């Protein structure tokens, strides 16, 4: 008998015969199992016990998996949830992503009918994490924190390498803000950016640009034409002095680093005119513009005609898993074609798996970044990474 590192499983299925069959299969592989058929019965069972696994059918008659995810999240359920359904793979994959966004640890998916061996394999495998990024979760931002960090000089800028897909060489990086709090340690942007005021975001942008151009001389001899990307908050695009300030910082720089200004797709939607005007002026004054997080918003393709972008970045939720999800692969393929038709480089961010990397290569992506290569890192560590990458075989 295979020893599985768990002691109990709770089966949730509104068909009693299916529920009983699953319980029997679980008991045969050495686990304690019981079954419930309704949301109310599940709530009662969770009041009495804390199962290691939840085997959850997507449709429950009086309820559904999305409602159950909400209930599990409210209860801070820490077990692994395995999804099962007679629906096709795309529906199961959508449910998996919704569960993960709710903070649920998804242990796998099962198409009905399934075999006992399928159950055994899933229960023996490692869980899929609810989140695979390093963003510190927070229910709400802290409005004064960024201003306090600016005054206290707690800001740092970390760098995540951007990789050329043809050569797998480092060609630059994305600059990402961090706060090194004297008491709380390193804080991620989710903690201090959402509720930050416009003035603080403007000051952050200028400091990020200064740091990006300061990185240029340090990259001399390491990269032939280094490119550093910074993120622009939509609220800063209308600042009357922003572009002149960016030009002033560039004119004082020791090295002609290529600065790429990333504007998110959502900002293009919320204030299209301001984004279009700023992007046009930025390009005319020698900066490059990137459309960031493409695929996360609901903009029309026609809107892209009005933005002079030279880089299109496909967001992580579309890239991650594209090797095993036919629909995600199709979106990636369409984005690559779209970006190239606009004569822009296409970037896949959030690459974490070798299979996804290979798919992006096959589809003609130009650049990638993600944990598969490196997490964001402090400036000195990034420089060491670039040096080391020139002397080692890339993955």
Protein backbone atom coordinates (compact mmCIF):
# COMPACT_ATOMS: atom_id res chain seq x y z
CA UNK A 1 0.00 0.00 0.00
CA UNK A 2 1.27 3.49 -0.85
CA UNK A 3 1.60 5.61 2.29
CA UNK A 4 -0.04 8.99 1.77
CA UNK A 5 0.84 11.90 4.01
CA UNK A 6 -2.71 12.65 5.11
CA UNK A 7 -5.18 11.12 7.50
CA UNK A 8 -8.64 12.21 6.38
CA UNK A 9 -10.61 13.17 3.31
CA UNK A 10 -14.02 14.81 3.08
CA UNK A 11 -15.91 14.11 -0.17
CA UNK A 12 -18.47 16.70 -1.32
CA UNK A 13 -20.82 15.58 -4.11
CA UNK A 14 -24.57 16.06 -4.42
CA UNK A 15 -24.98 12.58 -5.96
CA UNK A 16 -25.03 10.21 -3.02
CA UNK A 17 -23.94 7.16 -5.04
CA UNK A 18 -20.90 9.00 -6.41
CA UNK A 19 -20.08 10.27 -2.94
CA UNK A 20 -20.23 6.74 -1.47
CA UNK A 21 -18.11 5.31 -4.29
CA UNK A 22 -15.40 7.93 -3.75
CA UNK A 23 -15.40 7.23 -0.02
CA UNK A 24 -14.94 3.50 -0.69
CA UNK A 25 -12.04 4.15 -3.07
CA UNK A 26 -10.34 6.39 -0.53
CA UNK A 27 -10.73 3.83 2.25
CA UNK A 28 -9.14 1.18 0.01
CA UNK A 29 -5.96 3.23 -0.22
CA UNK A 30 -5.76 3.60 3.54
CA UNK A 31 -7.46 6.93 4.28
CA UNK A 32 -10.26 7.85 6.64
CA UNK A 33 -13.04 9.30 4.51
CA UNK A 34 -16.59 10.51 4.81
CA UNK A 35 -19.01 12.15 2.41
CA UNK A 36 -21.50 15.01 2.41
CA UNK A 37 -23.96 16.08 -0.28
CA UNK A 38 -24.86 19.72 0.44
CA UNK A 39 -23.22 23.00 1.41
CA UNK A 40 -24.98 22.91 4.79
CA UNK A 41 -23.66 19.40 5.49
CA UNK A 42 -20.16 20.54 4.51
CA UNK A 43 -20.33 23.49 6.90
CA UNK A 44 -21.46 21.20 9.70
CA UNK A 45 -18.68 18.70 8.96
CA UNK A 46 -16.04 21.44 8.98
CA UNK A 47 -17.32 22.64 12.34
CA UNK A 48 -16.49 19.21 13.76
CA UNK A 49 -13.27 18.28 11.96
CA UNK A 50 -10.43 19.64 9.85
CA UNK A 51 -9.81 17.22 6.96
CA UNK A 52 -6.47 17.12 5.21
CA UNK A 53 -8.19 16.87 1.82
CA UNK A 54 -11.47 18.06 0.35
CA UNK A 55 -12.67 16.22 -2.74
CA UNK A 56 -15.08 18.78 -4.19
CA UNK A 57 -17.54 18.41 -7.04
CA UNK A 58 -18.05 21.67 -8.99
CA UNK A 59 -21.87 21.40 -9.07
CA UNK A 60 -23.74 20.74 -5.85
CA UNK A 61 -27.38 21.25 -6.79
CA UNK A 62 -28.12 23.95 -4.21
CA UNK A 63 -24.62 25.40 -4.47
CA UNK A 64 -21.43 25.36 -6.54
CA UNK A 65 -17.65 25.35 -6.20
CA UNK A 66 -17.30 29.15 -6.30
CA UNK A 67 -19.60 29.49 -3.27
CA UNK A 68 -17.65 26.75 -1.52
CA UNK A 69 -14.35 28.55 -2.24
CA UNK A 70 -15.77 31.65 -0.55
CA UNK A 71 -16.85 29.63 2.46
CA UNK A 72 -13.49 27.88 2.73
CA UNK A 73 -11.67 31.20 2.46
CA UNK A 74 -13.80 32.71 5.23
CA UNK A 75 -13.01 29.71 7.40
CA UNK A 76 -9.26 29.91 6.55
CA UNK A 77 -9.36 26.29 5.42
CA UNK A 78 -5.77 25.01 5.13
CA UNK A 79 -6.36 21.56 3.65
CA UNK A 80 -5.83 20.66 0.00
CA UNK A 81 -8.87 20.81 -2.28
CA UNK A 82 -9.16 18.45 -5.24
CA UNK A 83 -11.72 19.49 -7.84
CA UNK A 84 -13.83 16.95 -9.70
CA UNK A 85 -16.47 17.28 -12.39
CA UNK A 86 -17.96 15.72 -15.48
CA UNK A 87 -17.42 19.03 -17.28
CA UNK A 88 -14.56 19.35 -19.74
CA UNK A 89 -10.98 20.30 -18.92
CA UNK A 90 -11.45 24.05 -19.64
CA UNK A 91 -14.19 24.32 -16.97
CA UNK A 92 -12.03 22.50 -14.44
CA UNK A 93 -9.08 24.77 -15.24
CA UNK A 94 -11.21 27.88 -14.81
CA UNK A 95 -12.41 26.56 -11.45
CA UNK A 96 -8.83 25.83 -10.42
CA UNK A 97 -7.77 29.41 -11.13
CA UNK A 98 -10.77 30.86 -9.28
CA UNK A 99 -9.95 28.67 -6.28
CA UNK A 100 -6.33 29.75 -6.26
CA UNK A 101 -7.33 33.42 -6.46
CA UNK A 102 -9.50 32.81 -3.39
CA UNK A 103 -6.42 31.57 -1.54
CA UNK A 104 -7.44 27.90 -1.66
CA UNK A 105 -4.68 25.30 -1.94
CA UNK A 106 -5.71 23.31 -5.01
CA UNK A 107 -4.34 19.78 -4.92
CA UNK A 108 -5.38 18.84 -8.46
CA UNK A 109 -8.34 18.21 -10.74
CA UNK A 110 -10.24 15.04 -11.68
CA UNK A 111 -12.47 14.38 -14.68
CA UNK A 112 -15.41 12.08 -13.90
CA UNK A 113 -15.44 9.14 -14.11
CA UNK A 114 -12.03 8.63 -12.48
CA UNK A 115 -10.11 5.58 -11.34
CA UNK A 116 -8.83 4.73 -7.88
CA UNK A 117 -5.28 5.16 -9.21
CA UNK A 118 -6.11 8.73 -10.26
CA UNK A 119 -7.08 9.49 -6.67
CA UNK A 120 -3.95 7.81 -5.33
CA UNK A 121 -1.71 9.83 -7.66
CA UNK A 122 -3.26 13.17 -6.73
CA UNK A 123 -3.26 12.52 -3.01
CA UNK A 124 0.42 11.57 -3.18
CA UNK A 125 1.48 14.63 -5.20
CA UNK A 126 2.71 17.98 -3.98
CA UNK A 127 0.06 20.71 -3.65
CA UNK A 128 -0.28 23.61 -6.06
CA UNK A 129 0.34 26.84 -4.13
CA UNK A 130 -2.52 29.28 -3.79
CA UNK A 131 -0.19 32.07 -4.90
CA UNK A 132 3.07 31.71 -6.77
CA UNK A 133 4.26 35.30 -6.58
CA UNK A 134 5.99 36.96 -3.70
CA UNK A 135 3.48 39.73 -3.20
CA UNK A 136 2.61 40.21 0.45
CA UNK A 137 -1.13 39.73 0.83
CA UNK A 138 -3.03 42.61 2.34
CA UNK A 139 -6.72 43.36 2.54
CA UNK A 140 -6.15 47.09 2.16
CA UNK A 141 -3.24 49.38 1.48
CA UNK A 142 -1.65 51.80 3.95
CA UNK A 143 -2.10 55.32 2.54
CA UNK A 144 0.70 57.02 4.50
CA UNK A 145 3.30 54.27 4.22
CA UNK A 146 4.89 55.33 0.91
CA UNK A 147 5.16 58.96 2.03
CA UNK A 148 6.76 57.80 5.27
CA UNK A 149 9.21 55.63 3.31
CA UNK A 150 10.17 58.56 1.09
CA UNK A 151 10.87 60.73 4.12
CA UNK A 152 12.78 57.97 5.89
CA UNK A 153 14.74 56.93 2.77
CA UNK A 154 13.51 53.35 3.14
CA UNK A 155 12.88 52.81 -0.58
CA UNK A 156 14.89 50.29 -2.56
CA UNK A 157 14.62 49.25 -6.19
CA UNK A 158 14.96 45.59 -6.97
CA UNK A 159 15.49 44.18 -10.44
CA UNK A 160 14.05 41.17 -12.21
CA UNK A 161 16.10 40.10 -15.26
CA UNK A 162 14.59 40.23 -18.74
CA UNK A 163 15.81 37.36 -20.92
CA UNK A 164 16.18 37.24 -24.70
CA UNK A 165 14.35 34.09 -25.78
CA UNK A 166 16.55 33.44 -28.80
CA UNK A 167 19.90 33.59 -26.97
CA UNK A 168 18.69 33.26 -23.34
CA UNK A 169 20.99 36.17 -22.49
CA UNK A 170 20.11 38.86 -19.96
CA UNK A 171 19.28 42.06 -21.83
CA UNK A 172 17.98 44.22 -19.01
CA UNK A 173 15.55 44.22 -16.12
CA UNK A 174 12.31 45.52 -14.71
CA UNK A 175 12.72 47.84 -11.73
CA UNK A 176 10.36 47.06 -8.83
CA UNK A 177 10.00 49.16 -5.69
CA UNK A 178 10.44 47.74 -2.21
CA UNK A 179 10.32 49.33 1.23
CA UNK A 180 12.90 48.15 3.75
CA UNK A 181 11.00 49.04 6.88
CA UNK A 182 13.18 49.40 10.03
CA UNK A 183 10.77 47.24 12.04
CA UNK A 184 8.75 45.20 9.50
CA UNK A 185 11.50 44.22 7.08
CA UNK A 186 11.11 44.22 3.29
CA UNK A 187 7.59 45.16 2.13
CA UNK A 188 6.19 44.37 -1.32
CA UNK A 189 4.26 46.90 -3.45
CA UNK A 190 0.85 45.43 -2.56
CA UNK A 191 1.32 46.85 0.92
CA UNK A 192 2.18 50.44 0.05
CA UNK A 193 1.08 51.24 -3.52
CA UNK A 194 -2.73 50.73 -3.79
CA UNK A 195 -3.71 53.56 -1.45
CA UNK A 196 -0.70 55.84 -1.99
CA UNK A 197 -1.38 59.47 -2.85
CA UNK A 198 -0.60 60.96 -6.25
CA UNK A 199 2.23 63.15 -4.94
CA UNK A 200 3.92 60.18 -3.31
CA UNK A 201 3.57 58.09 -6.49
CA UNK A 202 5.07 60.94 -8.51
CA UNK A 203 8.06 61.13 -6.15
CA UNK A 204 8.43 57.35 -6.33
CA UNK A 205 8.48 57.49 -10.14
CA UNK A 206 11.23 60.10 -10.21
CA UNK A 207 13.35 58.13 -7.75
CA UNK A 208 12.85 54.95 -9.80
CA UNK A 209 14.05 56.77 -12.92
CA UNK A 210 17.10 58.15 -11.14
CA UNK A 211 18.00 54.66 -9.89
CA UNK A 212 17.46 53.17 -13.34
CA UNK A 213 19.87 55.60 -14.98
CA UNK A 214 22.34 55.14 -12.11
CA UNK A 215 22.33 51.43 -12.92
CA UNK A 216 23.63 52.19 -16.43
CA UNK A 217 27.31 52.79 -15.57
CA UNK A 218 27.30 49.70 -13.34
CA UNK A 219 26.21 47.62 -16.33
CA UNK A 220 28.95 48.94 -18.61
CA UNK A 221 30.98 46.02 -19.89
CA UNK A 222 28.25 43.57 -18.86
CA UNK A 223 25.40 44.42 -21.25
CA UNK A 224 25.89 46.11 -24.61
CA UNK A 225 22.59 48.00 -24.65
CA UNK A 226 20.96 47.65 -21.24
CA UNK A 227 17.26 48.37 -20.96
CA UNK A 228 15.55 49.11 -17.66
CA UNK A 229 11.76 49.18 -17.34
CA UNK A 230 9.87 51.16 -14.73
CA UNK A 231 6.15 51.12 -14.00
CA UNK A 232 4.15 54.32 -14.28
CA UNK A 233 1.03 54.68 -12.15
CA UNK A 234 -1.90 55.95 -14.19
CA UNK A 235 -2.49 58.77 -11.72
CA UNK A 236 0.95 60.26 -12.50
CA UNK A 237 0.51 60.48 -16.27
CA UNK A 238 -1.25 63.84 -16.10
CA UNK A 239 1.41 65.49 -13.95
CA UNK A 240 2.41 68.58 -15.99
CA UNK A 241 6.10 68.33 -15.15
CA UNK A 242 6.62 64.58 -15.37
CA UNK A 243 8.03 64.33 -18.88
CA UNK A 244 10.37 67.30 -18.47
CA UNK A 245 11.61 65.81 -15.19
CA UNK A 246 12.30 62.46 -16.88
CA UNK A 247 14.26 64.22 -19.61
CA UNK A 248 16.22 66.20 -17.03
CA UNK A 249 17.25 63.04 -15.19
CA UNK A 250 18.26 61.37 -18.45
CA UNK A 251 20.32 64.36 -19.57
CA UNK A 252 22.40 64.14 -16.39
CA UNK A 253 22.95 60.37 -16.67
CA UNK A 254 26.45 59.02 -17.25
CA UNK A 255 25.30 56.14 -19.46
CA UNK A 256 22.65 56.04 -22.18
CA UNK A 257 20.55 53.28 -20.62
CA UNK A 258 17.35 52.64 -22.56
CA UNK A 259 14.46 53.53 -20.27
CA UNK A 260 11.17 51.73 -20.96
CA UNK A 261 8.05 53.29 -19.45
CA UNK A 262 5.45 50.64 -18.65
CA UNK A 263 1.79 51.69 -18.75
CA UNK A 264 -0.70 49.04 -17.68
CA UNK A 265 -3.57 48.00 -19.91
CA UNK A 266 -6.03 49.02 -17.18
CA UNK A 267 -4.64 52.56 -17.19
CA UNK A 268 -5.24 52.71 -20.94
CA UNK A 269 -8.89 51.94 -20.22
CA UNK A 270 -9.41 54.26 -17.23
CA UNK A 271 -7.89 57.38 -18.78
CA UNK A 272 -7.26 56.65 -22.44
CA UNK A 273 -6.67 60.23 -23.53
CA UNK A 274 -4.06 60.97 -20.85
CA UNK A 275 -2.27 57.69 -21.58
CA UNK A 276 -2.27 58.32 -25.31
CA UNK A 277 -0.98 61.87 -25.02
CA UNK A 278 1.74 60.97 -22.54
CA UNK A 279 2.87 57.95 -24.57
CA UNK A 280 3.10 59.98 -27.76
CA UNK A 281 5.15 62.73 -26.14
CA UNK A 282 7.41 60.20 -24.39
CA UNK A 283 8.23 58.48 -27.67
CA UNK A 284 8.88 61.80 -29.41
CA UNK A 285 11.39 62.62 -26.70
CA UNK A 286 13.28 59.35 -27.02
CA UNK A 287 11.70 57.07 -24.43
CA UNK A 288 10.23 53.63 -25.16
CA UNK A 289 6.69 52.71 -24.09
CA UNK A 290 5.50 49.27 -23.03
CA UNK A 291 1.91 48.12 -22.53
CA UNK A 292 2.13 46.13 -19.31
CA UNK A 293 -0.19 43.40 -17.98
CA UNK A 294 -1.77 42.92 -21.39
CA UNK A 295 -4.62 40.43 -21.06
CA UNK A 296 -5.65 41.57 -17.58
CA UNK A 297 -8.07 44.30 -18.71
CA UNK A 298 -10.87 44.61 -21.19
CA UNK A 299 -9.52 47.06 -23.73
CA UNK A 300 -10.35 46.67 -27.38
CA UNK A 301 -7.66 45.90 -29.91
CA UNK A 302 -8.64 49.10 -31.71
CA UNK A 303 -7.40 51.11 -28.72
CA UNK A 304 -3.86 49.84 -29.35
CA UNK A 305 -3.77 51.84 -32.59
CA UNK A 306 -3.57 55.04 -30.54
CA UNK A 307 -0.59 54.07 -28.35
CA UNK A 308 2.92 54.22 -29.89
CA UNK A 309 4.21 51.21 -27.96
CA UNK A 310 7.34 49.21 -28.80
CA UNK A 311 6.79 46.43 -26.25
CA UNK A 312 3.74 44.34 -25.37
CA UNK A 313 3.95 42.44 -22.06
CA UNK A 314 1.55 39.55 -21.63
CA UNK A 315 0.62 39.17 -18.00
CA UNK A 316 1.46 36.23 -15.78
CA UNK A 317 -2.07 34.78 -15.46
CA UNK A 318 -2.09 34.12 -19.22
CA UNK A 319 1.51 32.92 -19.51
CA UNK A 320 1.61 30.63 -16.50
CA UNK A 321 0.26 27.21 -17.48
CA UNK A 322 0.07 27.89 -21.24
CA UNK A 323 1.86 24.60 -21.95
CA UNK A 324 -0.97 22.53 -20.46
CA UNK A 325 -3.93 24.80 -21.20
CA UNK A 326 -4.95 24.96 -24.86
CA UNK A 327 -6.93 28.17 -24.38
CA UNK A 328 -4.05 29.98 -22.67
CA UNK A 329 -1.74 28.86 -25.46
CA UNK A 330 -4.18 30.28 -28.02
CA UNK A 331 -4.23 33.63 -26.20
CA UNK A 332 -0.42 33.69 -26.12
CA UNK A 333 -0.28 32.89 -29.82
CA UNK A 334 -2.74 35.66 -30.66
CA UNK A 335 -0.85 38.16 -28.49
CA UNK A 336 2.46 37.31 -30.16
CA UNK A 337 0.95 37.82 -33.60
CA UNK A 338 -0.74 41.03 -32.49
CA UNK A 339 2.39 42.52 -30.96
CA UNK A 340 4.52 41.69 -33.96
CA UNK A 341 1.93 43.13 -36.33
CA UNK A 342 2.37 46.39 -34.42
CA UNK A 343 6.15 46.02 -34.86
CA UNK A 344 6.62 45.63 -31.11
CA UNK A 345 8.62 43.14 -29.07
CA UNK A 346 6.44 40.66 -27.19
CA UNK A 347 7.33 39.80 -23.59
CA UNK A 348 5.98 36.97 -21.46
CA UNK A 349 6.12 37.72 -17.73
CA UNK A 350 5.60 35.26 -14.92
CA UNK A 351 7.44 32.36 -16.57
CA UNK A 352 7.89 29.66 -13.93
CA UNK A 353 8.00 26.34 -15.81
CA UNK A 354 10.30 24.98 -18.53
CA UNK A 355 7.29 23.76 -20.54
CA UNK A 356 5.76 27.24 -20.61
CA UNK A 357 9.11 28.70 -21.64
CA UNK A 358 9.32 26.30 -24.57
CA UNK A 359 5.79 27.17 -25.71
CA UNK A 360 6.59 30.89 -25.70
CA UNK A 361 9.72 30.16 -27.71
CA UNK A 362 7.69 28.19 -30.26
CA UNK A 363 5.13 31.00 -30.50
CA UNK A 364 7.80 33.57 -31.28
CA UNK A 365 7.94 35.62 -28.07
CA UNK A 366 10.97 37.90 -27.94
CA UNK A 367 11.66 38.30 -24.21
CA UNK A 368 10.63 36.65 -20.96
CA UNK A 369 10.96 37.23 -17.26
CA UNK A 370 9.87 35.20 -14.26
CA UNK A 371 10.85 32.97 -11.36
CA UNK A 372 12.13 30.27 -13.73
CA UNK A 373 15.15 32.50 -14.26
CA UNK A 374 15.18 34.75 -11.20
CA UNK A 375 13.03 36.57 -8.68
CA UNK A 376 13.34 40.34 -8.24
CA UNK A 377 16.58 41.05 -6.36
CA UNK A 378 18.50 44.00 -4.91
CA UNK A 379 20.77 45.91 -7.30
CA UNK A 380 24.03 44.30 -6.16
CA UNK A 381 22.54 40.83 -6.49
CA UNK A 382 21.24 41.66 -9.96
CA UNK A 383 24.70 42.75 -11.09
CA UNK A 384 26.16 39.52 -9.70
CA UNK A 385 23.44 37.57 -11.54
CA UNK A 386 24.37 39.25 -14.83
CA UNK A 387 28.06 38.46 -14.31
CA UNK A 388 27.32 34.86 -13.40
CA UNK A 389 24.95 34.41 -16.34
CA UNK A 390 27.79 35.15 -18.73
CA UNK A 391 29.82 32.30 -17.26
CA UNK A 392 27.23 29.57 -16.85
CA UNK A 393 24.89 27.49 -18.94
CA UNK A 394 21.39 28.91 -18.91
CA UNK A 395 18.47 26.62 -17.97
